[in-house]
Amino acid sequence: MGIIWTIIIGFVAGVIAKFITPGSNEPSGFILTVLLGIAGAFLATYLGQAIGWYGPNDQAGFIGAIVGAVIVLLIWGAVVKKRA
């Protein structure tokens, strides 16, 4: 159930992160944004557990997932601009 919850939170976090991330207005598609948001939620969960903010069975909260999604979107934007 934890992975499903992370995916749901990542979906919402990806949509919100798309609106608040500077420079992410270029069209990248809804599906890609959602997938990057889910990746951000997993990143936030992993980093939070590694740092000790979350226990072994805890997932990132909503704010943590948004921060993770913003980080992933910024990295994605830098990689795409570098290739272009």
C-alpha atoms as a PDB file:
ATOM      1  CA  MET A   1       0.000   0.000   0.000  1.00  0.00           C
ATOM      2  CA  GLY A   2       2.948   2.344   0.606  1.00  0.00           C
ATOM      3  CA  ILE A   3       4.047   2.328  -3.027  1.00  0.00           C
ATOM      4  CA  ILE A   4       0.522   3.091  -4.235  1.00  0.00           C
ATOM      5  CA  TRP A   5       0.300   5.997  -1.801  1.00  0.00           C
ATOM      6  CA  THR A   6       3.652   7.334  -3.039  1.00  0.00           C
ATOM      7  CA  ILE A   7       2.429   7.136  -6.649  1.00  0.00           C
ATOM      8  CA  ILE A   8      -0.785   9.011  -5.827  1.00  0.00           C
ATOM      9  CA  ILE A   9       1.071  11.714  -3.903  1.00  0.00           C
ATOM     10  CA  GLY A  10       3.679  11.870  -6.688  1.00  0.00           C
ATOM     11  CA  PHE A  11       0.937  12.381  -9.273  1.00  0.00           C
ATOM     12  CA  VAL A  12      -0.459  15.396  -7.435  1.00  0.00           C
ATOM     13  CA  ALA A  13       3.018  16.673  -6.535  1.00  0.00           C
ATOM     14  CA  GLY A  14       4.089  16.485 -10.187  1.00  0.00           C
ATOM     15  CA  VAL A  15       1.169  18.615 -11.294  1.00  0.00           C
ATOM     16  CA  ILE A  16       1.814  21.195  -8.565  1.00  0.00           C
ATOM     17  CA  ALA A  17       5.576  21.190  -9.191  1.00  0.00           C
ATOM     18  CA  LYS A  18       4.955  21.869 -12.888  1.00  0.00           C
ATOM     19  CA  PHE A  19       3.147  25.084 -11.962  1.00  0.00           C
ATOM     20  CA  ILE A  20       5.732  26.321  -9.437  1.00  0.00           C
ATOM     21  CA  THR A  21       8.949  25.294 -11.203  1.00  0.00           C
ATOM     22  CA  PRO A  22      10.527  28.239 -12.999  1.00  0.00           C
ATOM     23  CA  GLY A  23      11.263  27.637 -16.652  1.00  0.00           C
ATOM     24  CA  SER A  24       9.087  24.546 -16.925  1.00  0.00           C
ATOM     25  CA  ASN A  25       6.507  26.231 -19.146  1.00  0.00           C
ATOM     26  CA  GLU A  26       7.811  24.591 -22.310  1.00  0.00           C
ATOM     27  CA  PRO A  27       5.543  21.770 -23.411  1.00  0.00           C
ATOM     28  CA  SER A  28       6.744  18.485 -22.000  1.00  0.00           C
ATOM     29  CA  GLY A  29       3.423  16.689 -21.748  1.00  0.00           C
ATOM     30  CA  PHE A  30       1.149  15.791 -18.904  1.00  0.00           C
ATOM     31  CA  ILE A  31       2.274  12.154 -18.734  1.00  0.00           C
ATOM     32  CA  LEU A  32       5.948  13.105 -18.516  1.00  0.00           C
ATOM     33  CA  THR A  33       5.214  15.653 -15.803  1.00  0.00           C
ATOM     34  CA  VAL A  34       3.279  13.099 -13.783  1.00  0.00           C
ATOM     35  CA  LEU A  35       6.040  10.491 -14.179  1.00  0.00           C
ATOM     36  CA  LEU A  36       8.647  13.015 -13.062  1.00  0.00           C
ATOM     37  CA  GLY A  37       6.426  13.898 -10.106  1.00  0.00           C
ATOM     38  CA  ILE A  38       6.196  10.245  -9.117  1.00  0.00           C
ATOM     39  CA  ALA A  39       9.989   9.966  -9.462  1.00  0.00           C
ATOM     40  CA  GLY A  40      10.283  13.041  -7.230  1.00  0.00           C
ATOM     41  CA  ALA A  41       8.084  11.444  -4.574  1.00  0.00           C
ATOM     42  CA  PHE A  42      10.244   8.324  -4.619  1.00  0.00           C
ATOM     43  CA  LEU A  43      13.369  10.512  -4.478  1.00  0.00           C
ATOM     44  CA  ALA A  44      12.006  12.410  -1.478  1.00  0.00           C
ATOM     45  CA  THR A  45      11.116   9.129   0.251  1.00  0.00           C
ATOM     46  CA  TYR A  46      14.559   7.659  -0.393  1.00  0.00           C
ATOM     47  CA  LEU A  47      16.457  10.778   0.675  1.00  0.00           C
ATOM     48  CA  GLY A  48      14.264  11.249   3.738  1.00  0.00           C
ATOM     49  CA  GLN A  49      14.912   7.678   4.837  1.00  0.00           C
ATOM     50  CA  ALA A  50      18.649   8.005   4.137  1.00  0.00           C
ATOM     51  CA  ILE A  51      18.923  11.218   6.153  1.00  0.00           C
ATOM     52  CA  GLY A  52      16.809   9.832   8.960  1.00  0.00           C
ATOM     53  CA  TRP A  53      13.761  12.079   8.622  1.00  0.00           C
ATOM     54  CA  TYR A  54      11.542   9.086   7.851  1.00  0.00           C
ATOM     55  CA  GLY A  55      11.549   5.607   9.307  1.00  0.00           C
ATOM     56  CA  PRO A  56      12.123   2.482   7.213  1.00  0.00           C
ATOM     57  CA  ASN A  57       8.424   2.089   6.389  1.00  0.00           C
ATOM     58  CA  ASP A  58       7.513   5.792   6.145  1.00  0.00           C
ATOM     59  CA  GLN A  59       6.929   7.630   2.882  1.00  0.00           C
ATOM     60  CA  ALA A  60       7.550  11.258   2.073  1.00  0.00           C
ATOM     61  CA  GLY A  61       4.767  13.619   2.966  1.00  0.00           C
ATOM     62  CA  PHE A  62       3.001  15.879   0.531  1.00  0.00           C
ATOM     63  CA  ILE A  63       5.420  18.806   0.909  1.00  0.00           C
ATOM     64  CA  GLY A  64       8.432  16.498   0.649  1.00  0.00           C
ATOM     65  CA  ALA A  65       7.031  14.969  -2.528  1.00  0.00           C
ATOM     66  CA  ILE A  66       6.530  18.417  -4.045  1.00  0.00           C
ATOM     67  CA  VAL A  67      10.112  19.368  -3.193  1.00  0.00           C
ATOM     68  CA  GLY A  68      11.361  16.098  -4.699  1.00  0.00           C
ATOM     69  CA  ALA A  69       9.280  16.671  -7.829  1.00  0.00           C
ATOM     70  CA  VAL A  70      10.637  20.212  -8.209  1.00  0.00           C
ATOM     71  CA  ILE A  71      14.198  18.871  -7.906  1.00  0.00           C
ATOM     72  CA  VAL A  72      13.542  16.191 -10.538  1.00  0.00           C
ATOM     73  CA  LEU A  73      11.873  18.723 -12.872  1.00  0.00           C
ATOM     74  CA  LEU A  74      14.812  21.125 -12.541  1.00  0.00           C
ATOM     75  CA  ILE A  75      17.292  18.336 -13.289  1.00  0.00           C
ATOM     76  CA  TRP A  76      15.162  17.181 -16.239  1.00  0.00           C
ATOM     77  CA  GLY A  77      14.999  20.740 -17.599  1.00  0.00           C
ATOM     78  CA  ALA A  78      18.779  21.123 -17.357  1.00  0.00           C
ATOM     79  CA  VAL A  79      19.392  17.828 -19.138  1.00  0.00           C
ATOM     80  CA  VAL A  80      16.920  18.580 -21.935  1.00  0.00           C
ATOM     81  CA  LYS A  81      18.347  22.089 -22.491  1.00  0.00           C
ATOM     82  CA  LYS A  82      21.866  20.675 -22.582  1.00  0.00           C
ATOM     83  CA  ARG A  83      20.921  18.164 -25.283  1.00  0.00           C
ATOM     84  CA  ALA A  84      19.153  20.765 -27.428  1.00  0.00           C
END
